[in-house]
C-alpha atoms as a PDB file:
ATOM      1  CA  MET A   1     161.687 120.004  73.945  1.00  0.00           C
ATOM      2  CA  ILE A   2     160.394 117.703  76.778  1.00  0.00           C
ATOM      3  CA  PRO A   3     156.707 118.846  77.405  1.00  0.00           C
ATOM      4  CA  SER A   4     156.775 119.324  81.546  1.00  0.00           C
ATOM      5  CA  LEU A   5     154.308 117.387  83.764  1.00  0.00           C
ATOM      6  CA  ALA A   6     152.236 120.822  84.305  1.00  0.00           C
ATOM      7  CA  MET A   7     151.280 120.759  80.619  1.00  0.00           C
ATOM      8  CA  TYR A   8     150.401 117.026  80.704  1.00  0.00           C
ATOM      9  CA  ARG A   9     148.303 117.574  83.379  1.00  0.00           C
ATOM     10  CA  LEU A  10     146.584 121.090  81.417  1.00  0.00           C
ATOM     11  CA  SER A  11     146.026 118.924  78.451  1.00  0.00           C
ATOM     12  CA  GLY A  12     144.467 116.317  80.188  1.00  0.00           C
ATOM     13  CA  MET A  13     142.116 118.199  82.109  1.00  0.00           C
ATOM     14  CA  LYS A  14     141.189 120.190  78.639  1.00  0.00           C
ATOM     15  CA  ILE A  15     140.358 116.810  77.110  1.00  0.00           C
ATOM     16  CA  ALA A  16     138.120 115.991  79.956  1.00  0.00           C
ATOM     17  CA  ASP A  17     136.285 119.275  80.012  1.00  0.00           C
ATOM     18  CA  THR A  18     135.590 118.860  76.427  1.00  0.00           C
ATOM     19  CA  ARG A  19     134.060 115.154  76.594  1.00  0.00           C
ATOM     20  CA  ARG A  20     131.983 116.285  79.703  1.00  0.00           C
ATOM     21  CA  LYS A  21     130.463 119.321  77.478  1.00  0.00           C
ATOM     22  CA  ARG A  22     129.699 116.642  74.703  1.00  0.00           C
ATOM     23  CA  ARG A  23     128.387 113.889  76.665  1.00  0.00           C
ATOM     24  CA  THR A  24     126.123 117.141  78.398  1.00  0.00           C
ATOM     25  CA  ILE A  25     124.975 118.699  75.186  1.00  0.00           C
ATOM     26  CA  GLY A  26     124.603 114.824  73.814  1.00  0.00           C
ATOM     27  CA  ARG A  27     121.775 114.565  76.886  1.00  0.00           C
ATOM     28  CA  LEU A  28     120.223 117.874  76.560  1.00  0.00           C
ATOM     29  CA  LYS A  29     119.236 116.664  72.728  1.00  0.00           C
ATOM     30  CA  ARG A  30     117.875 113.444  73.882  1.00  0.00           C
ATOM     31  CA  VAL A  31     115.889 115.507  76.163  1.00  0.00           C
ATOM     32  CA  LEU A  32     114.452 117.973  73.877  1.00  0.00           C
ATOM     33  CA  SER A  33     113.550 115.430  70.800  1.00  0.00           C
ATOM     34  CA  GLY A  34     112.010 113.077  73.663  1.00  0.00           C
ATOM     35  CA  THR A  35     114.374 110.203  73.104  1.00  0.00           C
ATOM     36  CA  GLY A  36     116.143 110.159  76.569  1.00  0.00           C
ATOM     37  CA  SER A  37     115.280 109.123  79.680  1.00  0.00           C
ATOM     38  CA  GLU A  38     115.595 112.629  81.891  1.00  0.00           C
ATOM     39  CA  LYS A  39     112.324 113.982  82.745  1.00  0.00           C
ATOM     40  CA  VAL A  40     111.241 117.309  81.618  1.00  0.00           C
ATOM     41  CA  ASN A  41     109.084 120.045  83.857  1.00  0.00           C
ATOM     42  CA  GLY A  42     108.409 116.740  85.612  1.00  0.00           C
ATOM     43  CA  THR A  43     106.847 114.671  82.744  1.00  0.00           C
ATOM     44  CA  ARG A  44     107.420 111.231  82.260  1.00  0.00           C
ATOM     45  CA  PRO A  45     109.927 110.243  79.289  1.00  0.00           C
ATOM     46  CA  LYS A  46     108.218 109.798  75.869  1.00  0.00           C
ATOM     47  CA  ARG A  47     109.651 106.097  75.985  1.00  0.00           C
ATOM     48  CA  THR A  48     107.572 105.990  79.364  1.00  0.00           C
ATOM     49  CA  ARG A  49     104.615 107.543  77.691  1.00  0.00           C
ATOM     50  CA  ASP A  50     104.423 105.424  74.871  1.00  0.00           C
ATOM     51  CA  ARG A  51     104.925 102.119  76.863  1.00  0.00           C
ATOM     52  CA  ALA A  52     101.993 103.112  78.639  1.00  0.00           C
ATOM     53  CA  ALA A  53      99.484 104.352  75.839  1.00  0.00           C
ATOM     54  CA  LYS A  54     100.255 101.045  73.976  1.00  0.00           C
ATOM     55  CA  LYS A  55      99.308  98.814  76.414  1.00  0.00           C
ATOM     56  CA  HIS A  56      96.061 100.823  77.191  1.00  0.00           C
ATOM     57  CA  ALA A  57      95.579 100.423  73.489  1.00  0.00           C
ATOM     58  CA  LEU A  58      96.068  96.928  73.774  1.00  0.00           C
ATOM     59  CA  ILE A  59      93.338  96.323  76.139  1.00  0.00           C
ATOM     60  CA  LEU A  60      90.713  98.397  74.626  1.00  0.00           C
ATOM     61  CA  ALA A  61      91.148  96.704  71.801  1.00  0.00           C
ATOM     62  CA  ALA A  62      91.129  93.125  73.235  1.00  0.00           C
ATOM     63  CA  LEU A  63      87.992  94.203  75.343  1.00  0.00           C
ATOM     64  CA  GLU A  64      86.277  95.306  71.877  1.00  0.00           C
ATOM     65  CA  LEU A  65      87.380  92.221  70.040  1.00  0.00           C
ATOM     66  CA  PHE A  66      86.918  89.643  72.967  1.00  0.00           C
ATOM     67  CA  ALA A  67      83.234  90.919  73.523  1.00  0.00           C
ATOM     68  CA  SER A  68      82.531  90.929  69.975  1.00  0.00           C
ATOM     69  CA  LYS A  69      84.114  87.760  68.780  1.00  0.00           C
ATOM     70  CA  GLY A  70      84.812  85.437  72.100  1.00  0.00           C
ATOM     71  CA  TYR A  71      88.011  85.024  73.540  1.00  0.00           C
ATOM     72  CA  GLU A  72      88.798  81.639  71.741  1.00  0.00           C
ATOM     73  CA  PRO A  73      88.228  82.718  68.054  1.00  0.00           C
ATOM     74  CA  THR A  74      90.178  86.451  68.657  1.00  0.00           C
ATOM     75  CA  THR A  75      93.759  86.516  67.554  1.00  0.00           C
ATOM     76  CA  THR A  76      96.975  88.627  68.976  1.00  0.00           C
ATOM     77  CA  ARG A  77      97.346  89.842  65.218  1.00  0.00           C
ATOM     78  CA  GLU A  78      93.649  91.065  65.088  1.00  0.00           C
ATOM     79  CA  ILE A  79      94.051  92.674  68.969  1.00  0.00           C
ATOM     80  CA  ALA A  80      97.172  94.025  67.410  1.00  0.00           C
ATOM     81  CA  ALA A  81      95.947  95.858  64.450  1.00  0.00           C
ATOM     82  CA  SER A  82      93.296  97.327  66.151  1.00  0.00           C
ATOM     83  CA  ALA A  83      95.401  98.615  68.767  1.00  0.00           C
ATOM     84  CA  GLY A  84      97.564  99.877  65.544  1.00  0.00           C
ATOM     85  CA  CYS A  85     100.477  98.231  67.628  1.00  0.00           C
ATOM     86  CA  ALA A  86     103.281  95.442  67.074  1.00  0.00           C
ATOM     87  CA  GLU A  87     102.014  91.915  67.805  1.00  0.00           C
ATOM     88  CA  GLY A  88     104.832  91.145  69.402  1.00  0.00           C
ATOM     89  CA  LEU A  89     104.258  93.816  71.977  1.00  0.00           C
ATOM     90  CA  ILE A  90     101.422  91.453  73.242  1.00  0.00           C
ATOM     91  CA  HIS A  91     103.866  89.160  74.052  1.00  0.00           C
ATOM     92  CA  ARG A  92     106.037  91.459  75.453  1.00  0.00           C
ATOM     93  CA  TYR A  93     103.700  93.190  77.825  1.00  0.00           C
ATOM     94  CA  PHE A  94     101.293  90.850  78.665  1.00  0.00           C
ATOM     95  CA  LYS A  95     102.581  87.430  77.900  1.00  0.00           C
ATOM     96  CA  GLY A  96     100.416  86.369  75.636  1.00  0.00           C
ATOM     97  CA  LYS A  97      96.452  86.547  75.222  1.00  0.00           C
ATOM     98  CA  ALA A  98      95.910  84.572  78.379  1.00  0.00           C
ATOM     99  CA  GLY A  99      97.553  87.532  79.952  1.00  0.00           C
ATOM    100  CA  LEU A 100      95.189  90.327  78.215  1.00  0.00           C
ATOM    101  CA  LEU A 101      92.585  88.525  80.210  1.00  0.00           C
ATOM    102  CA  ALA A 102      94.409  89.067  83.422  1.00  0.00           C
ATOM    103  CA  ALA A 103      95.167  92.672  82.275  1.00  0.00           C
ATOM    104  CA  LEU A 104      91.352  93.552  81.640  1.00  0.00           C
ATOM    105  CA  ILE A 105      90.611  92.264  85.368  1.00  0.00           C
ATOM    106  CA  GLU A 106      93.145  94.393  86.548  1.00  0.00           C
ATOM    107  CA  HIS A 107      91.650  97.333  84.735  1.00  0.00           C
ATOM    108  CA  ARG A 108      88.585  96.464  85.729  1.00  0.00           C
ATOM    109  CA  LEU A 109      89.224  96.805  89.230  1.00  0.00           C
ATOM    110  CA  SER A 110      90.852  99.665  89.279  1.00  0.00           C
ATOM    111  CA  LYS A 111      87.574 101.718  87.684  1.00  0.00           C
ATOM    112  CA  GLU A 112      86.262  99.973  90.776  1.00  0.00           C
ATOM    113  CA  VAL A 113      88.497 102.041  92.952  1.00  0.00           C
ATOM    114  CA  LEU A 114      87.990 105.467  90.967  1.00  0.00           C
ATOM    115  CA  ASP A 115      84.195 104.800  91.177  1.00  0.00           C
ATOM    116  CA  LEU A 116      83.878 104.232  95.312  1.00  0.00           C
ATOM    117  CA  SER A 117      86.119 107.366  95.236  1.00  0.00           C
ATOM    118  CA  GLN A 118      83.442 109.601  93.691  1.00  0.00           C
ATOM    119  CA  PRO A 119      80.607 108.430  96.206  1.00  0.00           C
ATOM    120  CA  LEU A 120      76.751 109.842  95.565  1.00  0.00           C
ATOM    121  CA  ARG A 121      75.419 112.824  97.622  1.00  0.00           C
ATOM    122  CA  PRO A 122      73.506 111.005 100.191  1.00  0.00           C
ATOM    123  CA  ALA A 123      69.710 111.320  99.581  1.00  0.00           C
ATOM    124  CA  SER A 124      66.903 112.606 102.133  1.00  0.00           C
ATOM    125  CA  SER A 125      65.078 109.012 102.757  1.00  0.00           C
ATOM    126  CA  LEU A 126      66.168 105.664 102.853  1.00  0.00           C
ATOM    127  CA  GLU A 127      64.135 104.672  99.686  1.00  0.00           C
ATOM    128  CA  ASP A 128      65.531 107.436  97.382  1.00  0.00           C
ATOM    129  CA  GLU A 129      69.021 106.747  98.686  1.00  0.00           C
ATOM    130  CA  TYR A 130      68.041 102.981  97.793  1.00  0.00           C
ATOM    131  CA  VAL A 131      66.693 104.029  94.300  1.00  0.00           C
ATOM    132  CA  GLN A 132      69.439 106.387  93.482  1.00  0.00           C
ATOM    133  CA  LEU A 133      71.982 103.510  94.443  1.00  0.00           C
ATOM    134  CA  VAL A 134      70.276 100.794  92.316  1.00  0.00           C
ATOM    135  CA  ASP A 135      69.648 103.473  89.274  1.00  0.00           C
ATOM    136  CA  ARG A 136      73.448 104.269  89.538  1.00  0.00           C
ATOM    137  CA  GLU A 137      74.186 100.171  89.307  1.00  0.00           C
ATOM    138  CA  VAL A 138      72.061  99.998  86.580  1.00  0.00           C
ATOM    139  CA  GLU A 139      74.135 102.245  84.259  1.00  0.00           C
ATOM    140  CA  ARG A 140      77.150 100.901  85.552  1.00  0.00           C
ATOM    141  CA  MET A 141      76.030  97.324  84.539  1.00  0.00           C
ATOM    142  CA  TRP A 142      75.141  98.838  80.740  1.00  0.00           C
ATOM    143  CA  ASP A 143      78.791 100.728  81.238  1.00  0.00           C
ATOM    144  CA  SER A 144      80.516  96.827  81.788  1.00  0.00           C
ATOM    145  CA  ARG A 145      78.254  95.060  79.218  1.00  0.00           C
ATOM    146  CA  ASP A 146      81.993  94.302  77.481  1.00  0.00           C
ATOM    147  CA  PHE A 147      83.408  92.865  79.987  1.00  0.00           C
ATOM    148  CA  LEU A 148      80.406  91.052  81.251  1.00  0.00           C
ATOM    149  CA  ARG A 149      79.876  89.436  77.665  1.00  0.00           C
ATOM    150  CA  ILE A 150      83.389  88.186  77.907  1.00  0.00           C
ATOM    151  CA  PHE A 151      83.743  87.222  81.925  1.00  0.00           C
ATOM    152  CA  ILE A 152      80.273  85.404  82.234  1.00  0.00           C
ATOM    153  CA  PRO A 153      80.932  82.909  79.389  1.00  0.00           C
ATOM    154  CA  ARG A 154      84.225  82.212  80.913  1.00  0.00           C
ATOM    155  CA  ALA A 155      83.118  81.664  84.218  1.00  0.00           C
ATOM    156  CA  ILE A 156      80.819  78.881  82.978  1.00  0.00           C
ATOM    157  CA  VAL A 157      83.851  77.044  82.298  1.00  0.00           C
ATOM    158  CA  ASP A 158      86.381  78.190  84.658  1.00  0.00           C
ATOM    159  CA  PRO A 159      84.463  78.729  87.962  1.00  0.00           C
ATOM    160  CA  SER A 160      87.181  80.858  89.804  1.00  0.00           C
ATOM    161  CA  VAL A 161      86.303  83.823  87.244  1.00  0.00           C
ATOM    162  CA  GLY A 162      82.865  83.951  88.799  1.00  0.00           C
ATOM    163  CA  THR A 163      84.852  84.761  91.700  1.00  0.00           C
ATOM    164  CA  VAL A 164      86.676  87.474  90.097  1.00  0.00           C
ATOM    165  CA  ILE A 165      83.627  88.843  88.540  1.00  0.00           C
ATOM    166  CA  SER A 166      81.752  88.783  92.236  1.00  0.00           C
ATOM    167  CA  LYS A 167      84.989  90.864  93.239  1.00  0.00           C
ATOM    168  CA  ALA A 168      84.922  93.312  90.209  1.00  0.00           C
ATOM    169  CA  LEU A 169      81.302  93.946  90.167  1.00  0.00           C
ATOM    170  CA  ILE A 170      79.586  93.245  93.386  1.00  0.00           C
ATOM    171  CA  SER A 171      81.404  92.241  96.620  1.00  0.00           C
ATOM    172  CA  MET A 172      83.617  95.736  96.638  1.00  0.00           C
ATOM    173  CA  ARG A 173      80.732  98.142  97.140  1.00  0.00           C
ATOM    174  CA  GLY A 174      78.661  95.894  98.851  1.00  0.00           C
ATOM    175  CA  LYS A 175      80.474  97.018 101.778  1.00  0.00           C
ATOM    176  CA  ALA A 176      80.242 100.708 101.139  1.00  0.00           C
ATOM    177  CA  ILE A 177      76.475 100.847 100.276  1.00  0.00           C
ATOM    178  CA  SER A 178      75.986  98.739 103.468  1.00  0.00           C
ATOM    179  CA  GLU A 179      77.764 101.757 105.171  1.00  0.00           C
ATOM    180  CA  ARG A 180      75.567 104.599 103.566  1.00  0.00           C
ATOM    181  CA  LEU A 181      71.968 102.424 104.419  1.00  0.00           C
ATOM    182  CA  LYS A 182      73.277 102.215 108.059  1.00  0.00           C
ATOM    183  CA  HIS A 183      73.082 106.345 108.520  1.00  0.00           C
ATOM    184  CA  TYR A 184      69.299 105.988 107.827  1.00  0.00           C
ATOM    185  CA  GLU A 185      66.802 106.066 110.655  1.00  0.00           C
ATOM    186  CA  SER A 186      64.873 103.371 108.978  1.00  0.00           C
ATOM    187  CA  CYS A 187      67.654 101.222 109.139  1.00  0.00           C
ATOM    188  CA  LEU A 188      68.714 101.426 113.165  1.00  0.00           C
ATOM    189  CA  THR A 189      65.986  98.917 113.981  1.00  0.00           C
ATOM    190  CA  LEU A 190      67.251  96.434 111.306  1.00  0.00           C
ATOM    191  CA  PRO A 191      69.981  93.282 112.184  1.00  0.00           C
ATOM    192  CA  GLN A 192      73.112  93.447 110.067  1.00  0.00           C
ATOM    193  CA  ASP A 193      72.087  90.946 107.928  1.00  0.00           C
ATOM    194  CA  ALA A 194      69.055  92.566 106.940  1.00  0.00           C
ATOM    195  CA  ILE A 195      71.452  95.325 105.606  1.00  0.00           C
ATOM    196  CA  ASP A 196      73.784  93.405 104.220  1.00  0.00           C
ATOM    197  CA  VAL A 197      71.043  91.646 101.938  1.00  0.00           C
ATOM    198  CA  LEU A 198      69.847  95.353 101.231  1.00  0.00           C
ATOM    199  CA  ALA A 199      73.479  96.033 100.177  1.00  0.00           C
ATOM    200  CA  GLN A 200      73.900  92.896  98.328  1.00  0.00           C
ATOM    201  CA  ALA A 201      70.654  93.110  96.090  1.00  0.00           C
ATOM    202  CA  VAL A 202      71.803  96.792  94.675  1.00  0.00           C
ATOM    203  CA  GLY A 203      74.333  94.336  92.827  1.00  0.00           C
ATOM    204  CA  MET A 204      72.081  91.682  91.429  1.00  0.00           C
ATOM    205  CA  ILE A 205      69.081  94.434  90.250  1.00  0.00           C
ATOM    206  CA  GLY A 206      72.031  96.487  88.895  1.00  0.00           C
ATOM    207  CA  LEU A 207      73.203  92.986  86.849  1.00  0.00           C
ATOM    208  CA  MET A 208      69.792  91.723  86.032  1.00  0.00           C
ATOM    209  CA  PHE A 209      68.522  95.004  84.836  1.00  0.00           C
ATOM    210  CA  GLY A 210      71.492  96.714  83.669  1.00  0.00           C
ATOM    211  CA  PHE A 211      72.934  93.818  81.982  1.00  0.00           C
ATOM    212  CA  VAL A 212      70.583  90.708  81.499  1.00  0.00           C
ATOM    213  CA  ARG A 213      67.659  92.361  80.529  1.00  0.00           C
ATOM    214  CA  PRO A 214      68.907  95.277  77.833  1.00  0.00           C
ATOM    215  CA  VAL A 215      71.679  92.905  76.504  1.00  0.00           C
ATOM    216  CA  LEU A 216      70.637  89.402  76.534  1.00  0.00           C
ATOM    217  CA  LEU A 217      67.037  89.413  76.608  1.00  0.00           C
ATOM    218  CA  GLY A 218      66.940  92.620  74.211  1.00  0.00           C
ATOM    219  CA  GLN A 219      64.248  94.750  76.386  1.00  0.00           C
ATOM    220  CA  ASP A 220      64.285  98.494  76.068  1.00  0.00           C
ATOM    221  CA  ARG A 221      66.671  99.984  78.360  1.00  0.00           C
ATOM    222  CA  LEU A 222      64.536 102.949  79.427  1.00  0.00           C
ATOM    223  CA  ARG A 223      61.831 100.051  80.438  1.00  0.00           C
ATOM    224  CA  ALA A 224      64.713  97.813  82.418  1.00  0.00           C
ATOM    225  CA  ARG A 225      65.618 100.819  84.471  1.00  0.00           C
ATOM    226  CA  LYS A 226      62.086 101.952  85.240  1.00  0.00           C
ATOM    227  CA  MET A 227      61.492  98.377  86.791  1.00  0.00           C
ATOM    228  CA  ALA A 228      65.005  98.163  88.548  1.00  0.00           C
ATOM    229  CA  ALA A 229      63.324 101.640  90.394  1.00  0.00           C
ATOM    230  CA  THR A 230      60.424  99.908  91.244  1.00  0.00           C
ATOM    231  CA  VAL A 231      61.818  96.328  92.740  1.00  0.00           C
ATOM    232  CA  ALA A 232      63.791  98.658  94.456  1.00  0.00           C
ATOM    233  CA  LYS A 233      61.062 100.498  96.156  1.00  0.00           C
ATOM    234  CA  ILE A 234      59.476  97.358  96.731  1.00  0.00           C
ATOM    235  CA  LEU A 235      62.397  95.805  98.273  1.00  0.00           C
ATOM    236  CA  VAL A 236      63.540  98.634 100.836  1.00  0.00           C
ATOM    237  CA  SER A 237      60.175  98.707 101.900  1.00  0.00           C
ATOM    238  CA  SER A 238      59.946  95.084 102.637  1.00  0.00           C
ATOM    239  CA  PRO A 239      62.681  94.570 105.518  1.00  0.00           C
ATOM    240  CA  VAL A 240      61.991  97.478 107.491  1.00  0.00           C
ATOM    241  CA  HIS A 241      58.377  96.831 107.754  1.00  0.00           C
ATOM    242  CA  SER A 242      59.465  93.076 108.615  1.00  0.00           C
ATOM    243  CA  PHE A 243      61.681  93.754 111.329  1.00  0.00           C
ATOM    244  CA  ALA A 244      59.875  96.626 112.434  1.00  0.00           C
ATOM    245  CA  VAL A 245      59.202  96.848 116.410  1.00  0.00           C
END
């Protein structure tokens, strides 16, 4: 008996329907096990999360080892071991050790952007405002000590790195600080140059008393912090008196 055309079509539809069901079940299993590329409840796929976590671990490991051992002596094998990752991932994600150095800069800049999005509450007077800005900068430089241990020596042999440090740690904040200072009556009579000097000095004071003295010179942190506050009070009163009419 020869099957009719309708029977062939019906058989083909059943086979196609079975295949679709199998594919659907397979996708669901992959999603539920975290191995698929689909999203569940808006979360990122496991593979993507693992990649981001491993990159972050490698960056933090590089930061610690570059700061403690130096950039040149540190090997990619040591970085990978410290991060708990395969050494090949450094070349896959960063194209080698030099790429990790660039990633550290990007990591630092992203922290700067986040920090600038969380401003301090304005103080009642210009002096109090300036002192709190300097104090925050001192603490920020202390928190950045590993980054500075790596990049200050690099800046000596590569001047372009100095430009990066200036952008990452000082210039980005200078404009924001300048705008804050303009809101105080004491600054209304000051020329813009004087306000800019005050703003840039915040970063320089922070670098000196948050990194150079406590880290390089071994000075007590609390003493360095108090000295920074004293310098800030002297500095903020000087331009006001100098330019007062």
